Amino acid sequence: MSVIYDDTLDLGDSNRPTSKLFDLVAAGCRVLDIGCATGYLARALAERKGCRVTGIEVNPEAARIAAPACERIITGDVEDEAILAQAGGGFDVIIMADVLEHLRRPGEVLRRLRGSLAPGGLLLLSVPNIAHFTVRKDLLLGRFERTDRGILDRSHLHFFTLASLRRLLGTSGFAIERMDISFSMPGKLSKALRTLGPVYRCFIAPTLARVARRFPGFFALQFIVAARPAPQ
C-alpha cells in the first residue's frame, strides 16, 4: 500500500465512513491510527476531541504530511512486527480506516492488535463491501474491472462481505459491538431525487437510509465496525 490516500473530514455528512469513525471516538482518548494517510482524521481527533494520536503510515510522503497532526508518527508497514512494536500499547482506540483490504495477512495483524489495546479498548474499522449492488450488477454482465479508487481499487488484496468480515474478526479474537454502514443508492435515481431539495432531505433521504440499513449487504458501500477483544 504505497500510494498516497487523502480525504477530507466532512463532519456534516453523516454518511461518510470517516465521520462515523470520528463520532465513535471519545474525547481525550489515546488513539493508534493505522494507515493514517495524510492525517486528516488524526488532525480532527486532536483538534476537536483532544485525543493523543500515534499514526502508522507506510507511505513516507503521506507520513511527512501527517506528522504535525500526530503526537507521534511511525513510517512503515503495520504487517512488520517491529513497526507495530514501535507504537507500543495501552491505546484506548485503534483505527483502521480502509486498511484491512490492503493487508497480506489481515488476521495476523488483528490478532497482534489485541495486545496494543488498553483493557476495554476499542477497535474501529471501515471496510469496503464487495457485495455492493454495483459490483453484483457488473458480475451479472460478466465484468470485474479493477479501478483506481473505490471498492475494486487495484491495490486491494482482499475483498469482504458482511459475513466474511464477521468471520475474520471472530477468528482473530474480536467481538463486534456495533455495526454501521455508509451506503449509496442507484446514481441516476439518487441524483433525480436530490433535485427535490427539502422534501428529499426531510423525507426521502431518511427513508432511503432505512432501506439501506435493512439490506446492508446489498446497499452498503462500506461497513463501519466497532469491536472489542473477546474474552479468552
C-alpha atoms as a PDB file:
ATOM      1  CA  MET A   1       0.000   0.000   0.000  1.00  0.00           C
ATOM      2  CA  SER A   2       2.375   2.688  -1.237  1.00  0.00           C
ATOM      3  CA  VAL A   3       0.116   5.270  -2.866  1.00  0.00           C
ATOM      4  CA  ILE A   4      -0.931   8.416  -1.037  1.00  0.00           C
ATOM      5  CA  TYR A   5      -4.523   8.289   0.123  1.00  0.00           C
ATOM      6  CA  ASP A   6      -6.077  11.584   1.098  1.00  0.00           C
ATOM      7  CA  ASP A   7      -9.563  12.594   2.123  1.00  0.00           C
ATOM      8  CA  THR A   8     -11.468  15.345   3.816  1.00  0.00           C
ATOM      9  CA  LEU A   9     -13.382  15.015   7.038  1.00  0.00           C
ATOM     10  CA  ASP A  10     -16.820  16.451   6.351  1.00  0.00           C
ATOM     11  CA  LEU A  11     -18.481  16.098   9.745  1.00  0.00           C
ATOM     12  CA  GLY A  12     -21.680  17.478   8.265  1.00  0.00           C
ATOM     13  CA  ASP A  13     -22.046  14.374   6.109  1.00  0.00           C
ATOM     14  CA  SER A  14     -23.191  11.612   8.437  1.00  0.00           C
ATOM     15  CA  ASN A  15     -22.940   9.030   5.642  1.00  0.00           C
ATOM     16  CA  ARG A  16     -19.152   9.309   5.299  1.00  0.00           C
ATOM     17  CA  PRO A  17     -17.179   6.475   6.948  1.00  0.00           C
ATOM     18  CA  THR A  18     -14.612   8.882   8.391  1.00  0.00           C
ATOM     19  CA  SER A  19     -17.370  10.934  10.031  1.00  0.00           C
ATOM     20  CA  LYS A  20     -18.819   7.789  11.583  1.00  0.00           C
ATOM     21  CA  LEU A  21     -15.410   6.716  12.870  1.00  0.00           C
ATOM     22  CA  PHE A  22     -14.800  10.185  14.303  1.00  0.00           C
ATOM     23  CA  ASP A  23     -18.111  10.050  16.173  1.00  0.00           C
ATOM     24  CA  LEU A  24     -17.203   6.707  17.771  1.00  0.00           C
ATOM     25  CA  VAL A  25     -14.034   8.056  19.422  1.00  0.00           C
ATOM     26  CA  ALA A  26     -14.477   9.527  22.906  1.00  0.00           C
ATOM     27  CA  ALA A  27     -12.768  12.782  23.832  1.00  0.00           C
ATOM     28  CA  GLY A  28      -9.314  12.562  25.363  1.00  0.00           C
ATOM     29  CA  CYS A  29      -8.542   9.057  24.101  1.00  0.00           C
ATOM     30  CA  ARG A  30      -5.125   7.719  23.268  1.00  0.00           C
ATOM     31  CA  VAL A  31      -5.516   6.622  19.644  1.00  0.00           C
ATOM     32  CA  LEU A  32      -3.476   4.490  17.252  1.00  0.00           C
ATOM     33  CA  ASP A  33      -4.410   5.456  13.686  1.00  0.00           C
ATOM     34  CA  ILE A  34      -3.117   2.699  11.398  1.00  0.00           C
ATOM     35  CA  GLY A  35      -2.863   3.800   7.786  1.00  0.00           C
ATOM     36  CA  CYS A  36      -3.327   7.410   8.856  1.00  0.00           C
ATOM     37  CA  ALA A  37      -2.599   8.667   5.306  1.00  0.00           C
ATOM     38  CA  THR A  38      -2.114  12.457   5.390  1.00  0.00           C
ATOM     39  CA  GLY A  39      -3.519  12.743   8.913  1.00  0.00           C
ATOM     40  CA  TYR A  40      -6.950  14.183   8.100  1.00  0.00           C
ATOM     41  CA  LEU A  41      -8.686  12.058  10.763  1.00  0.00           C
ATOM     42  CA  ALA A  42      -5.852  12.329  13.291  1.00  0.00           C
ATOM     43  CA  ARG A  43      -5.909  16.111  12.957  1.00  0.00           C
ATOM     44  CA  ALA A  44      -9.637  16.320  13.676  1.00  0.00           C
ATOM     45  CA  LEU A  45      -9.359  13.971  16.654  1.00  0.00           C
ATOM     46  CA  ALA A  46      -6.527  16.011  18.139  1.00  0.00           C
ATOM     47  CA  GLU A  47      -8.036  19.433  17.499  1.00  0.00           C
ATOM     48  CA  ARG A  48     -11.709  18.729  18.199  1.00  0.00           C
ATOM     49  CA  LYS A  49     -11.558  15.967  20.806  1.00  0.00           C
ATOM     50  CA  GLY A  50      -8.189  16.458  22.468  1.00  0.00           C
ATOM     51  CA  CYS A  51      -7.033  12.951  21.545  1.00  0.00           C
ATOM     52  CA  ARG A  52      -3.371  11.937  21.545  1.00  0.00           C
ATOM     53  CA  VAL A  53      -2.815  10.197  18.238  1.00  0.00           C
ATOM     54  CA  THR A  54       0.013   7.925  17.166  1.00  0.00           C
ATOM     55  CA  GLY A  55      -0.040   7.360  13.421  1.00  0.00           C
ATOM     56  CA  ILE A  56       1.375   4.490  11.369  1.00  0.00           C
ATOM     57  CA  GLU A  57       1.700   5.144   7.644  1.00  0.00           C
ATOM     58  CA  VAL A  58       3.577   3.132   5.019  1.00  0.00           C
ATOM     59  CA  ASN A  59       3.948   5.983   2.502  1.00  0.00           C
ATOM     60  CA  PRO A  60       6.814   8.293   3.567  1.00  0.00           C
ATOM     61  CA  GLU A  61       5.393  11.400   1.883  1.00  0.00           C
ATOM     62  CA  ALA A  62       1.946  10.886   3.425  1.00  0.00           C
ATOM     63  CA  ALA A  63       3.604  10.281   6.798  1.00  0.00           C
ATOM     64  CA  ARG A  64       5.518  13.556   6.471  1.00  0.00           C
ATOM     65  CA  ILE A  65       2.266  15.424   5.820  1.00  0.00           C
ATOM     66  CA  ALA A  66       0.528  13.656   8.708  1.00  0.00           C
ATOM     67  CA  ALA A  67       3.301  14.257  11.241  1.00  0.00           C
ATOM     68  CA  PRO A  68       2.088  17.669  12.523  1.00  0.00           C
ATOM     69  CA  ALA A  69      -1.350  16.182  13.231  1.00  0.00           C
ATOM     70  CA  CYS A  70       0.048  13.331  15.331  1.00  0.00           C
ATOM     71  CA  GLU A  71       1.717  13.177  18.700  1.00  0.00           C
ATOM     72  CA  ARG A  72       3.951  10.574  17.093  1.00  0.00           C
ATOM     73  CA  ILE A  73       4.283   9.259  13.532  1.00  0.00           C
ATOM     74  CA  ILE A  74       5.789   5.896  12.558  1.00  0.00           C
ATOM     75  CA  THR A  75       6.655   5.274   8.925  1.00  0.00           C
ATOM     76  CA  GLY A  76       6.398   1.645   7.905  1.00  0.00           C
ATOM     77  CA  ASP A  77       4.209  -1.369   7.195  1.00  0.00           C
ATOM     78  CA  VAL A  78       1.972  -2.460  10.077  1.00  0.00           C
ATOM     79  CA  GLU A  79       2.454  -6.067   8.939  1.00  0.00           C
ATOM     80  CA  ASP A  80       6.072  -5.710  10.092  1.00  0.00           C
ATOM     81  CA  GLU A  81       6.012  -6.722  13.764  1.00  0.00           C
ATOM     82  CA  ALA A  82       8.834  -4.285  14.502  1.00  0.00           C
ATOM     83  CA  ILE A  83       6.748  -1.348  13.259  1.00  0.00           C
ATOM     84  CA  LEU A  84       3.802  -2.260  15.474  1.00  0.00           C
ATOM     85  CA  ALA A  85       6.184  -2.782  18.391  1.00  0.00           C
ATOM     86  CA  GLN A  86       7.419   0.799  17.959  1.00  0.00           C
ATOM     87  CA  ALA A  87       3.901   2.056  18.573  1.00  0.00           C
ATOM     88  CA  GLY A  88       3.733   0.319  21.947  1.00  0.00           C
ATOM     89  CA  GLY A  89       0.463  -0.435  23.677  1.00  0.00           C
ATOM     90  CA  GLY A  90      -2.163   0.914  26.023  1.00  0.00           C
ATOM     91  CA  PHE A  91      -4.287   2.531  23.315  1.00  0.00           C
ATOM     92  CA  ASP A  92      -7.915   3.311  24.126  1.00  0.00           C
ATOM     93  CA  VAL A  93      -8.825   3.180  20.434  1.00  0.00           C
ATOM     94  CA  ILE A  94      -7.207   1.658  17.357  1.00  0.00           C
ATOM     95  CA  ILE A  95      -8.499   2.895  13.996  1.00  0.00           C
ATOM     96  CA  MET A  96      -8.052   1.072  10.693  1.00  0.00           C
ATOM     97  CA  ALA A  97      -9.897   3.150   8.096  1.00  0.00           C
ATOM     98  CA  ASP A  98      -9.837   1.269   4.772  1.00  0.00           C
ATOM     99  CA  VAL A  99      -6.754  -0.736   5.758  1.00  0.00           C
ATOM    100  CA  LEU A 100      -7.721  -4.415   6.159  1.00  0.00           C
ATOM    101  CA  GLU A 101      -8.317  -4.926   2.445  1.00  0.00           C
ATOM    102  CA  HIS A 102      -4.735  -3.829   1.697  1.00  0.00           C
ATOM    103  CA  LEU A 103      -3.018  -6.268   4.060  1.00  0.00           C
ATOM    104  CA  ARG A 104      -1.486  -9.559   3.019  1.00  0.00           C
ATOM    105  CA  ARG A 105      -2.378 -11.248   6.314  1.00  0.00           C
ATOM    106  CA  PRO A 106      -5.147  -9.206   7.950  1.00  0.00           C
ATOM    107  CA  GLY A 107      -5.960 -11.888  10.524  1.00  0.00           C
ATOM    108  CA  GLU A 108      -2.400 -11.925  11.869  1.00  0.00           C
ATOM    109  CA  VAL A 109      -2.385  -8.139  12.221  1.00  0.00           C
ATOM    110  CA  LEU A 110      -5.724  -8.150  14.040  1.00  0.00           C
ATOM    111  CA  ARG A 111      -4.517 -10.795  16.482  1.00  0.00           C
ATOM    112  CA  ARG A 112      -1.416  -8.736  17.278  1.00  0.00           C
ATOM    113  CA  LEU A 113      -3.512  -5.617  17.798  1.00  0.00           C
ATOM    114  CA  ARG A 114      -5.277  -7.216  20.752  1.00  0.00           C
ATOM    115  CA  GLY A 115      -2.071  -6.663  22.707  1.00  0.00           C
ATOM    116  CA  SER A 116      -1.891  -2.994  21.686  1.00  0.00           C
ATOM    117  CA  LEU A 117      -5.256  -2.105  23.239  1.00  0.00           C
ATOM    118  CA  ALA A 118      -5.736  -0.960  26.808  1.00  0.00           C
ATOM    119  CA  PRO A 119      -8.197  -3.043  28.860  1.00  0.00           C
ATOM    120  CA  GLY A 120     -11.645  -2.341  27.438  1.00  0.00           C
ATOM    121  CA  GLY A 121     -10.105  -0.731  24.357  1.00  0.00           C
ATOM    122  CA  LEU A 122     -11.976  -0.335  21.089  1.00  0.00           C
ATOM    123  CA  LEU A 123     -11.055  -1.366  17.539  1.00  0.00           C
ATOM    124  CA  LEU A 124     -12.682   0.742  14.811  1.00  0.00           C
ATOM    125  CA  LEU A 125     -12.724  -0.353  11.178  1.00  0.00           C
ATOM    126  CA  SER A 126     -14.103   0.748   7.850  1.00  0.00           C
ATOM    127  CA  VAL A 127     -14.060  -1.867   5.081  1.00  0.00           C
ATOM    128  CA  PRO A 128     -15.481  -1.790   1.518  1.00  0.00           C
ATOM    129  CA  ASN A 129     -18.357  -4.153   0.699  1.00  0.00           C
ATOM    130  CA  ILE A 130     -17.587  -6.311  -2.326  1.00  0.00           C
ATOM    131  CA  ALA A 131     -21.260  -7.365  -2.482  1.00  0.00           C
ATOM    132  CA  HIS A 132     -22.486  -3.818  -3.218  1.00  0.00           C
ATOM    133  CA  PHE A 133     -25.210  -3.834  -5.866  1.00  0.00           C
ATOM    134  CA  THR A 134     -22.978  -2.130  -8.454  1.00  0.00           C
ATOM    135  CA  VAL A 135     -20.447  -4.969  -8.255  1.00  0.00           C
ATOM    136  CA  ARG A 136     -23.218  -7.591  -8.378  1.00  0.00           C
ATOM    137  CA  LYS A 137     -24.659  -5.919 -11.486  1.00  0.00           C
ATOM    138  CA  ASP A 138     -21.299  -5.921 -13.261  1.00  0.00           C
ATOM    139  CA  LEU A 139     -20.704  -9.571 -12.389  1.00  0.00           C
ATOM    140  CA  LEU A 140     -24.066 -10.466 -13.898  1.00  0.00           C
ATOM    141  CA  LEU A 141     -22.895  -8.720 -17.065  1.00  0.00           C
ATOM    142  CA  GLY A 142     -19.586 -10.598 -16.985  1.00  0.00           C
ATOM    143  CA  ARG A 143     -17.482  -7.632 -15.836  1.00  0.00           C
ATOM    144  CA  PHE A 144     -14.982  -7.381 -12.977  1.00  0.00           C
ATOM    145  CA  GLU A 145     -12.808  -4.371 -13.769  1.00  0.00           C
ATOM    146  CA  ARG A 146     -10.321  -3.047 -11.227  1.00  0.00           C
ATOM    147  CA  THR A 147     -10.271   0.729 -10.688  1.00  0.00           C
ATOM    148  CA  ASP A 148      -8.006   3.426  -9.231  1.00  0.00           C
ATOM    149  CA  ARG A 149     -10.234   4.031  -6.225  1.00  0.00           C
ATOM    150  CA  GLY A 150     -13.308   2.556  -4.596  1.00  0.00           C
ATOM    151  CA  ILE A 151     -14.465  -0.990  -3.909  1.00  0.00           C
ATOM    152  CA  LEU A 152     -12.406  -2.505  -6.740  1.00  0.00           C
ATOM    153  CA  ASP A 153      -9.248  -0.484  -6.044  1.00  0.00           C
ATOM    154  CA  ARG A 154      -6.303  -2.214  -7.738  1.00  0.00           C
ATOM    155  CA  SER A 155      -4.332  -2.209  -4.501  1.00  0.00           C
ATOM    156  CA  HIS A 156      -6.947  -4.246  -2.613  1.00  0.00           C
ATOM    157  CA  LEU A 157      -5.623  -7.708  -1.788  1.00  0.00           C
ATOM    158  CA  HIS A 158      -8.789  -8.938  -0.080  1.00  0.00           C
ATOM    159  CA  PHE A 159     -12.500  -8.411  -0.604  1.00  0.00           C
ATOM    160  CA  PHE A 160     -15.052  -8.603   2.197  1.00  0.00           C
ATOM    161  CA  THR A 161     -18.749  -9.271   2.515  1.00  0.00           C
ATOM    162  CA  LEU A 162     -20.557  -8.715   5.787  1.00  0.00           C
ATOM    163  CA  ALA A 163     -20.321 -12.436   6.561  1.00  0.00           C
ATOM    164  CA  SER A 164     -16.608 -12.766   5.783  1.00  0.00           C
ATOM    165  CA  LEU A 165     -15.788  -9.634   7.798  1.00  0.00           C
ATOM    166  CA  ARG A 166     -17.671 -11.008  10.807  1.00  0.00           C
ATOM    167  CA  ARG A 167     -15.832 -14.311  10.417  1.00  0.00           C
ATOM    168  CA  LEU A 168     -12.410 -12.638  10.192  1.00  0.00           C
ATOM    169  CA  LEU A 169     -12.994 -10.586  13.330  1.00  0.00           C
ATOM    170  CA  GLY A 170     -14.322 -13.597  15.225  1.00  0.00           C
ATOM    171  CA  THR A 171     -11.392 -15.852  14.351  1.00  0.00           C
ATOM    172  CA  SER A 172      -8.996 -13.007  15.204  1.00  0.00           C
ATOM    173  CA  GLY A 173     -10.333 -12.712  18.731  1.00  0.00           C
ATOM    174  CA  PHE A 174     -12.706  -9.750  18.461  1.00  0.00           C
ATOM    175  CA  ALA A 175     -16.387  -9.412  19.286  1.00  0.00           C
ATOM    176  CA  ILE A 176     -18.372  -6.903  17.254  1.00  0.00           C
ATOM    177  CA  GLU A 177     -20.046  -4.329  19.453  1.00  0.00           C
ATOM    178  CA  ARG A 178     -21.557  -2.115  16.786  1.00  0.00           C
ATOM    179  CA  MET A 179     -22.044  -2.327  13.013  1.00  0.00           C
ATOM    180  CA  ASP A 180     -22.957   0.584  10.755  1.00  0.00           C
ATOM    181  CA  ILE A 181     -22.792   1.294   7.035  1.00  0.00           C
ATOM    182  CA  SER A 182     -22.191   4.065   4.580  1.00  0.00           C
ATOM    183  CA  PHE A 183     -24.435   3.479   1.614  1.00  0.00           C
ATOM    184  CA  SER A 184     -25.394   4.520  -1.880  1.00  0.00           C
ATOM    185  CA  MET A 185     -28.489   4.083  -3.997  1.00  0.00           C
ATOM    186  CA  PRO A 186     -28.582   3.883  -7.821  1.00  0.00           C
ATOM    187  CA  GLY A 187     -26.848   7.023  -9.083  1.00  0.00           C
ATOM    188  CA  LYS A 188     -29.452   8.337 -11.531  1.00  0.00           C
ATOM    189  CA  LEU A 189     -32.284   7.792  -9.068  1.00  0.00           C
ATOM    190  CA  SER A 190     -30.421   9.461  -6.231  1.00  0.00           C
ATOM    191  CA  LYS A 191     -29.462  12.425  -8.417  1.00  0.00           C
ATOM    192  CA  ALA A 192     -33.052  12.909  -9.555  1.00  0.00           C
ATOM    193  CA  LEU A 193     -34.416  12.741  -6.027  1.00  0.00           C
ATOM    194  CA  ARG A 194     -31.908  15.296  -4.744  1.00  0.00           C
ATOM    195  CA  THR A 195     -33.474  17.923  -7.006  1.00  0.00           C
ATOM    196  CA  LEU A 196     -36.496  17.847  -4.682  1.00  0.00           C
ATOM    197  CA  GLY A 197     -34.496  19.813  -2.129  1.00  0.00           C
ATOM    198  CA  PRO A 198     -36.111  19.981   1.343  1.00  0.00           C
ATOM    199  CA  VAL A 199     -38.500  17.136   0.503  1.00  0.00           C
ATOM    200  CA  TYR A 200     -35.521  14.927  -0.249  1.00  0.00           C
ATOM    201  CA  ARG A 201     -33.613  15.914   2.905  1.00  0.00           C
ATOM    202  CA  CYS A 202     -36.563  15.662   5.292  1.00  0.00           C
ATOM    203  CA  PHE A 203     -38.463  12.654   3.969  1.00  0.00           C
ATOM    204  CA  ILE A 204     -36.821  10.775   1.111  1.00  0.00           C
ATOM    205  CA  ALA A 205     -33.235  10.615   2.417  1.00  0.00           C
ATOM    206  CA  PRO A 206     -34.262   9.134   5.815  1.00  0.00           C
ATOM    207  CA  THR A 207     -36.412   6.559   4.011  1.00  0.00           C
ATOM    208  CA  LEU A 208     -33.528   5.571   1.745  1.00  0.00           C
ATOM    209  CA  ALA A 209     -31.274   5.239   4.787  1.00  0.00           C
ATOM    210  CA  ARG A 210     -33.755   2.873   6.446  1.00  0.00           C
ATOM    211  CA  VAL A 211     -33.942   0.755   3.301  1.00  0.00           C
ATOM    212  CA  ALA A 212     -30.133   0.601   3.061  1.00  0.00           C
ATOM    213  CA  ARG A 213     -29.831  -0.473   6.693  1.00  0.00           C
ATOM    214  CA  ARG A 214     -32.497  -3.113   6.155  1.00  0.00           C
ATOM    215  CA  PHE A 215     -30.417  -4.613   3.327  1.00  0.00           C
ATOM    216  CA  PRO A 216     -26.804  -3.723   4.235  1.00  0.00           C
ATOM    217  CA  GLY A 217     -25.200  -6.474   2.181  1.00  0.00           C
ATOM    218  CA  PHE A 218     -26.754  -5.009  -0.958  1.00  0.00           C
ATOM    219  CA  PHE A 219     -26.551  -1.234  -0.439  1.00  0.00           C
ATOM    220  CA  ALA A 220     -23.538  -0.754   1.863  1.00  0.00           C
ATOM    221  CA  LEU A 221     -20.530   0.863   0.221  1.00  0.00           C
ATOM    222  CA  GLN A 222     -18.581   0.311   3.411  1.00  0.00           C
ATOM    223  CA  PHE A 223     -19.061  -1.407   6.731  1.00  0.00           C
ATOM    224  CA  ILE A 224     -18.103   0.564   9.834  1.00  0.00           C
ATOM    225  CA  VAL A 225     -17.376  -1.689  12.792  1.00  0.00           C
ATOM    226  CA  ALA A 226     -16.636  -1.174  16.474  1.00  0.00           C
ATOM    227  CA  ALA A 227     -15.228  -4.275  18.152  1.00  0.00           C
ATOM    228  CA  ARG A 228     -13.511  -5.235  21.393  1.00  0.00           C
ATOM    229  CA  PRO A 229     -11.250  -8.171  22.257  1.00  0.00           C
ATOM    230  CA  ALA A 230     -13.415 -11.192  23.042  1.00  0.00           C
ATOM    231  CA  PRO A 231     -12.857 -12.946  26.390  1.00  0.00           C
ATOM    232  CA  GLN A 232     -10.456 -15.860  26.056  1.00  0.00           C
END
